[in-house]
Amino acid sequence: MIHLVRVRWKLWLRRRRPVASFCKHCGRDVHDYRAPDDVWEKVEPRIRHGYTLCYDCFCEECGKIGEQTVWDLIDADKNEA
């Protein structure tokens, strides 16, 4: 329940002033991460209120669609695609 309240609050607040990017499932602020395009294309339609998920919610959604739920952390600057 608290997640829904947090998301609704940030969506309301975003209409009035700039707000840092936040997860559209749980409302937490997010950090950048990279996800494989093919997996993201499966997860993206499941996101309500925008296209941003924190890493934890991304992994949860991956589990719901049958994808792996643990991903390797790499230095994105050194491993450009």
PDB file of N, CA and C in Angstrom:
ATOM      1  N   MET A   1       0.813  -1.196   0.000  1.00  0.00           N
ATOM      2  CA  MET A   1       0.000   0.000   0.000  1.00  0.00           C
ATOM      3  C   MET A   1       0.855   1.258   0.000  1.00  0.00           C
ATOM      4  N   ILE A   2       1.934   1.231   0.801  1.00  0.00           N
ATOM      5  CA  ILE A   2       2.793   2.415   0.877  1.00  0.00           C
ATOM      6  C   ILE A   2       3.424   2.711  -0.475  1.00  0.00           C
ATOM      7  N   HIS A   3       3.704   1.660  -1.270  1.00  0.00           N
ATOM      8  CA  HIS A   3       4.287   1.876  -2.591  1.00  0.00           C
ATOM      9  C   HIS A   3       3.335   2.667  -3.479  1.00  0.00           C
ATOM     10  N   LEU A   4       2.070   2.309  -3.452  1.00  0.00           N
ATOM     11  CA  LEU A   4       1.078   3.007  -4.262  1.00  0.00           C
ATOM     12  C   LEU A   4       0.973   4.472  -3.850  1.00  0.00           C
ATOM     13  N   VAL A   5       0.962   4.729  -2.571  1.00  0.00           N
ATOM     14  CA  VAL A   5       0.889   6.108  -2.083  1.00  0.00           C
ATOM     15  C   VAL A   5       2.124   6.889  -2.526  1.00  0.00           C
ATOM     16  N   ARG A   6       3.299   6.276  -2.409  1.00  0.00           N
ATOM     17  CA  ARG A   6       4.542   6.947  -2.798  1.00  0.00           C
ATOM     18  C   ARG A   6       4.538   7.283  -4.290  1.00  0.00           C
ATOM     19  N   VAL A   7       4.098   6.355  -5.128  1.00  0.00           N
ATOM     20  CA  VAL A   7       4.050   6.597  -6.572  1.00  0.00           C
ATOM     21  C   VAL A   7       3.046   7.702  -6.888  1.00  0.00           C
ATOM     22  N   ARG A   8       1.859   7.615  -6.326  1.00  0.00           N
ATOM     23  CA  ARG A   8       0.835   8.649  -6.587  1.00  0.00           C
ATOM     24  C   ARG A   8       1.309  10.029  -6.137  1.00  0.00           C
ATOM     25  N   TRP A   9       1.968  10.093  -4.978  1.00  0.00           N
ATOM     26  CA  TRP A   9       2.484  11.369  -4.476  1.00  0.00           C
ATOM     27  C   TRP A   9       3.500  11.958  -5.447  1.00  0.00           C
ATOM     28  N   LYS A  10       4.432  11.131  -5.927  1.00  0.00           N
ATOM     29  CA  LYS A  10       5.449  11.642  -6.840  1.00  0.00           C
ATOM     30  C   LYS A  10       4.862  12.011  -8.190  1.00  0.00           C
ATOM     31  N   LEU A  11       3.865  11.284  -8.651  1.00  0.00           N
ATOM     32  CA  LEU A  11       3.204  11.659  -9.899  1.00  0.00           C
ATOM     33  C   LEU A  11       2.501  13.009  -9.749  1.00  0.00           C
ATOM     34  N   TRP A  12       1.853  13.231  -8.623  1.00  0.00           N
ATOM     35  CA  TRP A  12       1.191  14.519  -8.359  1.00  0.00           C
ATOM     36  C   TRP A  12       2.229  15.633  -8.247  1.00  0.00           C
ATOM     37  N   LEU A  13       3.292  15.374  -7.514  1.00  0.00           N
ATOM     38  CA  LEU A  13       4.338  16.362  -7.303  1.00  0.00           C
ATOM     39  C   LEU A  13       5.034  16.729  -8.611  1.00  0.00           C
ATOM     40  N   ARG A  14       5.202  15.755  -9.478  1.00  0.00           N
ATOM     41  CA  ARG A  14       5.869  15.963 -10.761  1.00  0.00           C
ATOM     42  C   ARG A  14       5.128  16.992 -11.616  1.00  0.00           C
ATOM     43  N   ARG A  15       3.845  17.104 -11.464  1.00  0.00           N
ATOM     44  CA  ARG A  15       3.062  18.094 -12.225  1.00  0.00           C
ATOM     45  C   ARG A  15       3.329  19.517 -11.757  1.00  0.00           C
ATOM     46  N   ARG A  16       3.857  19.668 -10.571  1.00  0.00           N
ATOM     47  CA  ARG A  16       4.054  20.989  -9.980  1.00  0.00           C
ATOM     48  C   ARG A  16       5.499  21.476  -9.984  1.00  0.00           C
ATOM     49  N   ARG A  17       6.451  20.556 -10.006  1.00  0.00           N
ATOM     50  CA  ARG A  17       7.872  20.934 -10.018  1.00  0.00           C
ATOM     51  C   ARG A  17       8.702  19.746 -10.491  1.00  0.00           C
ATOM     52  N   PRO A  18       9.944  20.009 -10.886  1.00  0.00           N
ATOM     53  CA  PRO A  18      10.797  18.894 -11.321  1.00  0.00           C
ATOM     54  C   PRO A  18      11.032  17.890 -10.183  1.00  0.00           C
ATOM     55  N   VAL A  19      10.969  16.622 -10.523  1.00  0.00           N
ATOM     56  CA  VAL A  19      11.172  15.546  -9.554  1.00  0.00           C
ATOM     57  C   VAL A  19      12.200  14.586 -10.146  1.00  0.00           C
ATOM     58  N   ALA A  20      13.115  14.120  -9.326  1.00  0.00           N
ATOM     59  CA  ALA A  20      14.100  13.136  -9.790  1.00  0.00           C
ATOM     60  C   ALA A  20      13.381  11.894 -10.301  1.00  0.00           C
ATOM     61  N   SER A  21      14.020  11.191 -11.208  1.00  0.00           N
ATOM     62  CA  SER A  21      13.437   9.980 -11.766  1.00  0.00           C
ATOM     63  C   SER A  21      13.147   8.986 -10.645  1.00  0.00           C
ATOM     64  N   PHE A  22      11.992   8.333 -10.732  1.00  0.00           N
ATOM     65  CA  PHE A  22      11.611   7.380  -9.692  1.00  0.00           C
ATOM     66  C   PHE A  22      10.929   6.168 -10.300  1.00  0.00           C
ATOM     67  N   CYS A  23      10.982   5.059  -9.581  1.00  0.00           N
ATOM     68  CA  CYS A  23      10.384   3.804 -10.023  1.00  0.00           C
ATOM     69  C   CYS A  23       8.871   3.955 -10.074  1.00  0.00           C
ATOM     70  N   LYS A  24       8.281   3.549 -11.180  1.00  0.00           N
ATOM     71  CA  LYS A  24       6.838   3.675 -11.352  1.00  0.00           C
ATOM     72  C   LYS A  24       6.073   2.531 -10.702  1.00  0.00           C
ATOM     73  N   HIS A  25       6.775   1.577 -10.097  1.00  0.00           N
ATOM     74  CA  HIS A  25       6.104   0.524  -9.330  1.00  0.00           C
ATOM     75  C   HIS A  25       6.140   0.793  -7.840  1.00  0.00           C
ATOM     76  N   CYS A  26       7.328   1.156  -7.309  1.00  0.00           N
ATOM     77  CA  CYS A  26       7.452   1.298  -5.856  1.00  0.00           C
ATOM     78  C   CYS A  26       7.678   2.735  -5.405  1.00  0.00           C
ATOM     79  N   GLY A  27       8.022   3.634  -6.323  1.00  0.00           N
ATOM     80  CA  GLY A  27       8.191   5.040  -5.977  1.00  0.00           C
ATOM     81  C   GLY A  27       9.575   5.430  -5.491  1.00  0.00           C
ATOM     82  N   ARG A  28      10.495   4.468  -5.368  1.00  0.00           N
ATOM     83  CA  ARG A  28      11.849   4.799  -4.927  1.00  0.00           C
ATOM     84  C   ARG A  28      12.601   5.546  -6.019  1.00  0.00           C
ATOM     85  N   ASP A  29      13.555   6.403  -5.604  1.00  0.00           N
ATOM     86  CA  ASP A  29      14.446   7.027  -6.571  1.00  0.00           C
ATOM     87  C   ASP A  29      15.265   5.926  -7.230  1.00  0.00           C
ATOM     88  N   VAL A  30      15.642   6.133  -8.501  1.00  0.00           N
ATOM     89  CA  VAL A  30      16.364   5.094  -9.230  1.00  0.00           C
ATOM     90  C   VAL A  30      17.770   5.535  -9.592  1.00  0.00           C
ATOM     91  N   HIS A  31      18.617   4.541  -9.789  1.00  0.00           N
ATOM     92  CA  HIS A  31      19.964   4.728 -10.308  1.00  0.00           C
ATOM     93  C   HIS A  31      19.983   4.103 -11.695  1.00  0.00           C
ATOM     94  N   ASP A  32      20.857   4.600 -12.555  1.00  0.00           N
ATOM     95  CA  ASP A  32      20.939   4.065 -13.907  1.00  0.00           C
ATOM     96  C   ASP A  32      21.454   2.630 -13.902  1.00  0.00           C
ATOM     97  N   TYR A  33      20.903   1.833 -14.784  1.00  0.00           N
ATOM     98  CA  TYR A  33      21.402   0.487 -15.047  1.00  0.00           C
ATOM     99  C   TYR A  33      21.034   0.145 -16.468  1.00  0.00           C
ATOM    100  N   ARG A  34      21.709  -0.833 -17.016  1.00  0.00           N
ATOM    101  CA  ARG A  34      21.409  -1.271 -18.380  1.00  0.00           C
ATOM    102  C   ARG A  34      20.745  -2.639 -18.320  1.00  0.00           C
ATOM    103  N   ALA A  35      19.762  -2.796 -19.172  1.00  0.00           N
ATOM    104  CA  ALA A  35      19.085  -4.091 -19.285  1.00  0.00           C
ATOM    105  C   ALA A  35      19.142  -4.518 -20.748  1.00  0.00           C
ATOM    106  N   PRO A  36      19.234  -5.812 -21.010  1.00  0.00           N
ATOM    107  CA  PRO A  36      19.229  -6.275 -22.402  1.00  0.00           C
ATOM    108  C   PRO A  36      17.937  -5.826 -23.098  1.00  0.00           C
ATOM    109  N   ASP A  37      18.062  -5.351 -24.325  1.00  0.00           N
ATOM    110  CA  ASP A  37      16.914  -4.827 -25.064  1.00  0.00           C
ATOM    111  C   ASP A  37      15.772  -5.825 -25.168  1.00  0.00           C
ATOM    112  N   ASP A  38      16.097  -7.092 -25.448  1.00  0.00           N
ATOM    113  CA  ASP A  38      15.036  -8.080 -25.630  1.00  0.00           C
ATOM    114  C   ASP A  38      14.258  -8.314 -24.334  1.00  0.00           C
ATOM    115  N   VAL A  39      14.942  -8.262 -23.200  1.00  0.00           N
ATOM    116  CA  VAL A  39      14.260  -8.436 -21.912  1.00  0.00           C
ATOM    117  C   VAL A  39      13.450  -7.184 -21.586  1.00  0.00           C
ATOM    118  N   TRP A  40      14.045  -6.007 -21.798  1.00  0.00           N
ATOM    119  CA  TRP A  40      13.338  -4.760 -21.506  1.00  0.00           C
ATOM    120  C   TRP A  40      12.053  -4.657 -22.328  1.00  0.00           C
ATOM    121  N   GLU A  41      12.078  -5.093 -23.576  1.00  0.00           N
ATOM    122  CA  GLU A  41      10.887  -5.035 -24.428  1.00  0.00           C
ATOM    123  C   GLU A  41       9.753  -5.897 -23.871  1.00  0.00           C
ATOM    124  N   LYS A  42      10.085  -6.960 -23.143  1.00  0.00           N
ATOM    125  CA  LYS A  42       9.064  -7.800 -22.516  1.00  0.00           C
ATOM    126  C   LYS A  42       8.547  -7.174 -21.218  1.00  0.00           C
ATOM    127  N   VAL A  43       9.426  -6.492 -20.487  1.00  0.00           N
ATOM    128  CA  VAL A  43       9.070  -5.902 -19.198  1.00  0.00           C
ATOM    129  C   VAL A  43       8.341  -4.568 -19.371  1.00  0.00           C
ATOM    130  N   GLU A  44       8.760  -3.784 -20.344  1.00  0.00           N
ATOM    131  CA  GLU A  44       8.241  -2.426 -20.518  1.00  0.00           C
ATOM    132  C   GLU A  44       6.705  -2.320 -20.566  1.00  0.00           C
ATOM    133  N   PRO A  45       5.998  -3.192 -21.268  1.00  0.00           N
ATOM    134  CA  PRO A  45       4.531  -3.075 -21.292  1.00  0.00           C
ATOM    135  C   PRO A  45       3.867  -3.273 -19.926  1.00  0.00           C
ATOM    136  N   ARG A  46       4.589  -3.838 -18.973  1.00  0.00           N
ATOM    137  CA  ARG A  46       4.041  -4.109 -17.647  1.00  0.00           C
ATOM    138  C   ARG A  46       4.173  -2.917 -16.702  1.00  0.00           C
ATOM    139  N   ILE A  47       4.839  -1.828 -17.163  1.00  0.00           N
ATOM    140  CA  ILE A  47       5.088  -0.664 -16.315  1.00  0.00           C
ATOM    141  C   ILE A  47       3.936   0.320 -16.461  1.00  0.00           C
ATOM    142  N   ARG A  48       3.343   0.694 -15.329  1.00  0.00           N
ATOM    143  CA  ARG A  48       2.269   1.684 -15.351  1.00  0.00           C
ATOM    144  C   ARG A  48       2.867   3.056 -15.078  1.00  0.00           C
ATOM    145  N   HIS A  49       2.258   4.086 -15.587  1.00  0.00           N
ATOM    146  CA  HIS A  49       2.624   5.477 -15.291  1.00  0.00           C
ATOM    147  C   HIS A  49       3.980   5.900 -15.828  1.00  0.00           C
ATOM    148  N   GLY A  50       4.530   5.260 -16.842  1.00  0.00           N
ATOM    149  CA  GLY A  50       5.819   5.677 -17.383  1.00  0.00           C
ATOM    150  C   GLY A  50       6.717   4.501 -17.687  1.00  0.00           C
ATOM    151  N   TYR A  51       7.983   4.779 -17.881  1.00  0.00           N
ATOM    152  CA  TYR A  51       8.906   3.740 -18.325  1.00  0.00           C
ATOM    153  C   TYR A  51      10.135   3.626 -17.439  1.00  0.00           C
ATOM    154  N   THR A  52       9.979   3.777 -16.142  1.00  0.00           N
ATOM    155  CA  THR A  52      11.117   3.726 -15.236  1.00  0.00           C
ATOM    156  C   THR A  52      10.875   2.708 -14.129  1.00  0.00           C
ATOM    157  N   LEU A  53      11.822   1.810 -13.948  1.00  0.00           N
ATOM    158  CA  LEU A  53      11.779   0.840 -12.850  1.00  0.00           C
ATOM    159  C   LEU A  53      13.110   0.857 -12.124  1.00  0.00           C
ATOM    160  N   CYS A  54      13.069   0.696 -10.807  1.00  0.00           N
ATOM    161  CA  CYS A  54      14.308   0.489 -10.064  1.00  0.00           C
ATOM    162  C   CYS A  54      14.786  -0.932 -10.376  1.00  0.00           C
ATOM    163  N   TYR A  55      16.022  -1.204 -10.018  1.00  0.00           N
ATOM    164  CA  TYR A  55      16.600  -2.512 -10.298  1.00  0.00           C
ATOM    165  C   TYR A  55      15.801  -3.630  -9.635  1.00  0.00           C
ATOM    166  N   ASP A  56      15.373  -3.435  -8.387  1.00  0.00           N
ATOM    167  CA  ASP A  56      14.625  -4.478  -7.678  1.00  0.00           C
ATOM    168  C   ASP A  56      13.306  -4.798  -8.379  1.00  0.00           C
ATOM    169  N   CYS A  57      12.569  -3.778  -8.758  1.00  0.00           N
ATOM    170  CA  CYS A  57      11.286  -4.005  -9.437  1.00  0.00           C
ATOM    171  C   CYS A  57      11.497  -4.605 -10.821  1.00  0.00           C
ATOM    172  N   PHE A  58      12.578  -4.204 -11.508  1.00  0.00           N
ATOM    173  CA  PHE A  58      12.908  -4.817 -12.797  1.00  0.00           C
ATOM    174  C   PHE A  58      13.118  -6.314 -12.623  1.00  0.00           C
ATOM    175  N   CYS A  59      13.898  -6.705 -11.607  1.00  0.00           N
ATOM    176  CA  CYS A  59      14.146  -8.125 -11.360  1.00  0.00           C
ATOM    177  C   CYS A  59      12.857  -8.874 -11.008  1.00  0.00           C
ATOM    178  N   GLU A  60      11.981  -8.255 -10.214  1.00  0.00           N
ATOM    179  CA  GLU A  60      10.697  -8.876  -9.879  1.00  0.00           C
ATOM    180  C   GLU A  60       9.858  -9.094 -11.135  1.00  0.00           C
ATOM    181  N   GLU A  61       9.808  -8.099 -12.016  1.00  0.00           N
ATOM    182  CA  GLU A  61       9.033  -8.239 -13.251  1.00  0.00           C
ATOM    183  C   GLU A  61       9.645  -9.307 -14.148  1.00  0.00           C
ATOM    184  N   CYS A  62      10.974  -9.400 -14.177  1.00  0.00           N
ATOM    185  CA  CYS A  62      11.625 -10.461 -14.952  1.00  0.00           C
ATOM    186  C   CYS A  62      11.172 -11.832 -14.465  1.00  0.00           C
ATOM    187  N   GLY A  63      11.103 -12.003 -13.153  1.00  0.00           N
ATOM    188  CA  GLY A  63      10.642 -13.269 -12.593  1.00  0.00           C
ATOM    189  C   GLY A  63       9.220 -13.592 -12.999  1.00  0.00           C
ATOM    190  N   LYS A  64       8.367 -12.582 -13.077  1.00  0.00           N
ATOM    191  CA  LYS A  64       6.960 -12.793 -13.440  1.00  0.00           C
ATOM    192  C   LYS A  64       6.794 -13.221 -14.892  1.00  0.00           C
ATOM    193  N   ILE A  65       7.746 -12.832 -15.764  1.00  0.00           N
ATOM    194  CA  ILE A  65       7.632 -13.207 -17.178  1.00  0.00           C
ATOM    195  C   ILE A  65       8.535 -14.380 -17.537  1.00  0.00           C
ATOM    196  N   GLY A  66       9.178 -14.985 -16.508  1.00  0.00           N
ATOM    197  CA  GLY A  66       9.982 -16.177 -16.740  1.00  0.00           C
ATOM    198  C   GLY A  66      11.421 -15.908 -17.143  1.00  0.00           C
ATOM    199  N   GLU A  67      11.885 -14.688 -17.000  1.00  0.00           N
ATOM    200  CA  GLU A  67      13.292 -14.362 -17.281  1.00  0.00           C
ATOM    201  C   GLU A  67      14.108 -14.546 -16.007  1.00  0.00           C
ATOM    202  N   GLN A  68      15.424 -14.535 -16.154  1.00  0.00           N
ATOM    203  CA  GLN A  68      16.286 -14.621 -14.974  1.00  0.00           C
ATOM    204  C   GLN A  68      16.047 -13.412 -14.085  1.00  0.00           C
ATOM    205  N   THR A  69      16.302 -13.562 -12.811  1.00  0.00           N
ATOM    206  CA  THR A  69      16.016 -12.477 -11.866  1.00  0.00           C
ATOM    207  C   THR A  69      17.278 -11.903 -11.223  1.00  0.00           C
ATOM    208  N   VAL A  70      18.437 -12.418 -11.593  1.00  0.00           N
ATOM    209  CA  VAL A  70      19.702 -11.899 -11.079  1.00  0.00           C
ATOM    210  C   VAL A  70      20.570 -11.553 -12.281  1.00  0.00           C
ATOM    211  N   TRP A  71      21.135 -10.345 -12.255  1.00  0.00           N
ATOM    212  CA  TRP A  71      21.923  -9.856 -13.389  1.00  0.00           C
ATOM    213  C   TRP A  71      23.309  -9.454 -12.921  1.00  0.00           C
ATOM    214  N   ASP A  72      24.290  -9.552 -13.802  1.00  0.00           N
ATOM    215  CA  ASP A  72      25.662  -9.138 -13.487  1.00  0.00           C
ATOM    216  C   ASP A  72      25.760  -7.625 -13.516  1.00  0.00           C
ATOM    217  N   LEU A  73      26.512  -7.091 -12.567  1.00  0.00           N
ATOM    218  CA  LEU A  73      26.797  -5.676 -12.533  1.00  0.00           C
ATOM    219  C   LEU A  73      28.127  -5.445 -13.250  1.00  0.00           C
ATOM    220  N   ILE A  74      28.103  -4.602 -14.298  1.00  0.00           N
ATOM    221  CA  ILE A  74      29.316  -4.318 -15.058  1.00  0.00           C
ATOM    222  C   ILE A  74      29.523  -2.822 -15.151  1.00  0.00           C
ATOM    223  N   ASP A  75      30.722  -2.431 -15.495  1.00  0.00           N
ATOM    224  CA  ASP A  75      31.020  -1.015 -15.710  1.00  0.00           C
ATOM    225  C   ASP A  75      30.553  -0.671 -17.121  1.00  0.00           C
ATOM    226  N   ALA A  76      29.471   0.067 -17.215  1.00  0.00           N
ATOM    227  CA  ALA A  76      28.859   0.380 -18.506  1.00  0.00           C
ATOM    228  C   ALA A  76      29.776   1.202 -19.391  1.00  0.00           C
ATOM    229  N   ASP A  77      30.617   2.052 -18.809  1.00  0.00           N
ATOM    230  CA  ASP A  77      31.532   2.872 -19.596  1.00  0.00           C
ATOM    231  C   ASP A  77      32.598   2.044 -20.287  1.00  0.00           C
ATOM    232  N   LYS A  78      32.997   0.944 -19.675  1.00  0.00           N
ATOM    233  CA  LYS A  78      34.039   0.106 -20.248  1.00  0.00           C
ATOM    234  C   LYS A  78      33.474  -0.976 -21.154  1.00  0.00           C
ATOM    235  N   ASN A  79      32.190  -1.232 -21.084  1.00  0.00           N
ATOM    236  CA  ASN A  79      31.564  -2.307 -21.855  1.00  0.00           C
ATOM    237  C   ASN A  79      30.476  -1.757 -22.753  1.00  0.00           C
ATOM    238  N   GLU A  80      30.802  -0.758 -23.532  1.00  0.00           N
ATOM    239  CA  GLU A  80      29.824  -0.173 -24.444  1.00  0.00           C
ATOM    240  C   GLU A  80      29.332  -1.220 -25.423  1.00  0.00           C
ATOM    241  N   ALA A  81      28.034  -1.183 -25.691  1.00  0.00           N
ATOM    242  CA  ALA A  81      27.451  -2.143 -26.640  1.00  0.00           C
ATOM    243  C   ALA A  81      27.652  -1.679 -28.058  1.00  0.00           C
TER     244      ALA A  81
END
